[in-house]
Amino acid sequence: MFRREPLEERIARRQAELPPRTGRRSQFDQPAAKVLLILLAAVTIAAHVIGGVLLAVWAH
């Protein structure tokens, strides 16, 4: 009664409806997502570097 097509077929049909990706487009559809990723990566790296320096200083 409520039979639906398999998920794989629905995904394939939806992807076929989308326009093809051409050229050198970014993987990020929203510019805010790219900025957020870069910001979080920078904060993570800075926290690890600062933490490593503090541990090295306190160890002596």
N, C-alpha and C. Protein backbone atom coordinates (compact mmCIF):
# COMPACT_ATOMS: atom_id res chain seq x y z
N MET A 1 0.82 -1.19 0.00
CA MET A 1 0.00 0.00 0.00
C MET A 1 0.86 1.26 0.00
N PHE A 2 1.81 1.35 0.94
CA PHE A 2 2.69 2.52 1.02
C PHE A 2 4.09 2.16 0.54
N ARG A 3 4.18 1.32 -0.45
CA ARG A 3 5.48 0.85 -0.92
C ARG A 3 6.24 2.00 -1.58
N ARG A 4 7.47 2.19 -1.14
CA ARG A 4 8.34 3.23 -1.71
C ARG A 4 9.50 2.54 -2.41
N GLU A 5 10.09 3.24 -3.35
CA GLU A 5 11.26 2.68 -4.03
C GLU A 5 12.44 2.66 -3.06
N PRO A 6 13.41 1.79 -3.28
CA PRO A 6 14.56 1.69 -2.37
C PRO A 6 15.31 3.02 -2.26
N LEU A 7 15.96 3.19 -1.13
CA LEU A 7 16.67 4.42 -0.84
C LEU A 7 17.73 4.72 -1.90
N GLU A 8 18.46 3.70 -2.35
CA GLU A 8 19.50 3.91 -3.34
C GLU A 8 18.93 4.49 -4.63
N GLU A 9 17.75 4.01 -5.02
CA GLU A 9 17.13 4.53 -6.25
C GLU A 9 16.65 5.96 -6.05
N ARG A 10 16.13 6.29 -4.87
CA ARG A 10 15.71 7.67 -4.61
C ARG A 10 16.90 8.62 -4.62
N ILE A 11 18.02 8.18 -4.04
CA ILE A 11 19.23 9.02 -4.03
C ILE A 11 19.74 9.22 -5.45
N ALA A 12 19.78 8.13 -6.23
CA ALA A 12 20.26 8.22 -7.61
C ALA A 12 19.37 9.15 -8.44
N ARG A 13 18.05 9.06 -8.24
CA ARG A 13 17.13 9.92 -8.98
C ARG A 13 17.33 11.39 -8.59
N ARG A 14 17.53 11.65 -7.30
CA ARG A 14 17.73 13.03 -6.83
C ARG A 14 19.04 13.60 -7.38
N GLN A 15 20.09 12.79 -7.39
CA GLN A 15 21.37 13.26 -7.92
C GLN A 15 21.30 13.50 -9.42
N ALA A 16 20.50 12.72 -10.12
CA ALA A 16 20.34 12.93 -11.56
C ALA A 16 19.60 14.23 -11.85
N GLU A 17 18.75 14.67 -10.92
CA GLU A 17 18.01 15.92 -11.11
C GLU A 17 18.88 17.15 -10.88
N LEU A 18 19.95 17.00 -10.11
CA LEU A 18 20.81 18.13 -9.81
C LEU A 18 21.64 18.52 -11.03
N PRO A 19 21.96 19.80 -11.18
CA PRO A 19 22.81 20.20 -12.30
C PRO A 19 24.23 19.67 -12.09
N PRO A 20 24.92 19.33 -13.16
CA PRO A 20 26.28 18.81 -13.02
C PRO A 20 27.23 19.90 -12.49
N ARG A 21 28.20 19.47 -11.72
CA ARG A 21 29.20 20.40 -11.20
C ARG A 21 30.25 20.60 -12.27
N THR A 22 30.42 21.83 -12.69
CA THR A 22 31.41 22.12 -13.72
C THR A 22 32.39 23.15 -13.22
N GLY A 23 33.56 23.16 -13.80
CA GLY A 23 34.55 24.15 -13.44
C GLY A 23 35.19 23.85 -12.09
N ARG A 24 35.88 24.84 -11.58
CA ARG A 24 36.58 24.68 -10.31
C ARG A 24 35.76 25.29 -9.18
N ARG A 25 34.65 24.66 -8.87
CA ARG A 25 33.81 25.15 -7.78
C ARG A 25 34.36 24.65 -6.45
N SER A 26 34.10 25.41 -5.44
CA SER A 26 34.52 25.04 -4.10
C SER A 26 33.64 23.90 -3.60
N GLN A 27 34.13 23.15 -2.65
CA GLN A 27 33.34 22.10 -2.02
C GLN A 27 32.31 22.70 -1.07
N PHE A 28 32.45 23.97 -0.75
CA PHE A 28 31.56 24.63 0.18
C PHE A 28 30.51 25.43 -0.59
N ASP A 29 29.25 25.09 -0.41
CA ASP A 29 28.19 25.83 -1.06
C ASP A 29 27.90 27.14 -0.34
N GLN A 30 28.25 27.19 0.93
CA GLN A 30 28.01 28.41 1.71
C GLN A 30 29.36 28.95 2.17
N PRO A 31 29.64 30.22 1.88
CA PRO A 31 30.93 30.80 2.28
C PRO A 31 31.15 30.77 3.80
N ALA A 32 30.08 30.88 4.57
CA ALA A 32 30.21 30.87 6.03
C ALA A 32 30.76 29.53 6.52
N ALA A 33 30.43 28.45 5.84
CA ALA A 33 30.94 27.13 6.25
C ALA A 33 32.44 27.06 6.07
N LYS A 34 32.96 27.63 5.01
CA LYS A 34 34.40 27.62 4.77
C LYS A 34 35.12 28.45 5.83
N VAL A 35 34.58 29.63 6.13
CA VAL A 35 35.18 30.50 7.14
C VAL A 35 35.16 29.81 8.50
N LEU A 36 34.05 29.17 8.83
CA LEU A 36 33.94 28.48 10.12
C LEU A 36 34.93 27.33 10.22
N LEU A 37 35.10 26.57 9.15
CA LEU A 37 36.06 25.46 9.16
C LEU A 37 37.48 25.97 9.38
N ILE A 38 37.86 27.03 8.67
CA ILE A 38 39.21 27.58 8.81
C ILE A 38 39.41 28.14 10.21
N LEU A 39 38.39 28.84 10.73
CA LEU A 39 38.49 29.41 12.07
C LEU A 39 38.65 28.31 13.13
N LEU A 40 37.84 27.28 13.05
CA LEU A 40 37.93 26.19 14.02
C LEU A 40 39.25 25.44 13.92
N ALA A 41 39.76 25.26 12.70
CA ALA A 41 41.05 24.60 12.54
C ALA A 41 42.16 25.46 13.15
N ALA A 42 42.11 26.77 12.94
CA ALA A 42 43.13 27.66 13.50
C ALA A 42 43.08 27.66 15.02
N VAL A 43 41.88 27.70 15.59
CA VAL A 43 41.75 27.69 17.06
C VAL A 43 42.26 26.37 17.63
N THR A 44 41.95 25.26 16.96
CA THR A 44 42.41 23.95 17.43
C THR A 44 43.94 23.86 17.40
N ILE A 45 44.54 24.29 16.32
CA ILE A 45 46.00 24.24 16.20
C ILE A 45 46.64 25.16 17.24
N ALA A 46 46.11 26.37 17.40
CA ALA A 46 46.66 27.30 18.39
C ALA A 46 46.55 26.73 19.79
N ALA A 47 45.42 26.11 20.12
CA ALA A 47 45.25 25.53 21.45
C ALA A 47 46.25 24.41 21.70
N HIS A 48 46.51 23.60 20.70
CA HIS A 48 47.48 22.51 20.87
C HIS A 48 48.90 23.06 21.02
N VAL A 49 49.24 24.06 20.25
CA VAL A 49 50.59 24.64 20.36
C VAL A 49 50.77 25.30 21.73
N ILE A 50 49.80 26.09 22.14
CA ILE A 50 49.89 26.76 23.44
C ILE A 50 49.92 25.74 24.56
N GLY A 51 49.09 24.72 24.47
CA GLY A 51 49.09 23.66 25.48
C GLY A 51 50.42 22.92 25.54
N GLY A 52 51.01 22.65 24.39
CA GLY A 52 52.31 21.98 24.37
C GLY A 52 53.40 22.83 24.98
N VAL A 53 53.38 24.13 24.70
CA VAL A 53 54.37 25.03 25.29
C VAL A 53 54.20 25.11 26.80
N LEU A 54 52.96 25.23 27.26
CA LEU A 54 52.72 25.30 28.70
C LEU A 54 53.15 24.02 29.41
N LEU A 55 52.86 22.88 28.79
CA LEU A 55 53.30 21.61 29.41
C LEU A 55 54.81 21.50 29.43
N ALA A 56 55.47 21.98 28.40
CA ALA A 56 56.94 21.92 28.36
C ALA A 56 57.53 22.83 29.42
N VAL A 57 56.92 24.00 29.62
CA VAL A 57 57.42 24.94 30.63
C VAL A 57 57.19 24.40 32.03
N TRP A 58 56.01 23.86 32.29
CA TRP A 58 55.69 23.36 33.62
C TRP A 58 56.44 22.08 33.96
N ALA A 59 56.91 21.35 32.96
CA ALA A 59 57.60 20.08 33.21
C ALA A 59 59.00 20.31 33.78
N HIS A 60 59.56 21.49 33.59
CA HIS A 60 60.91 21.75 34.08
C HIS A 60 60.90 22.45 35.39
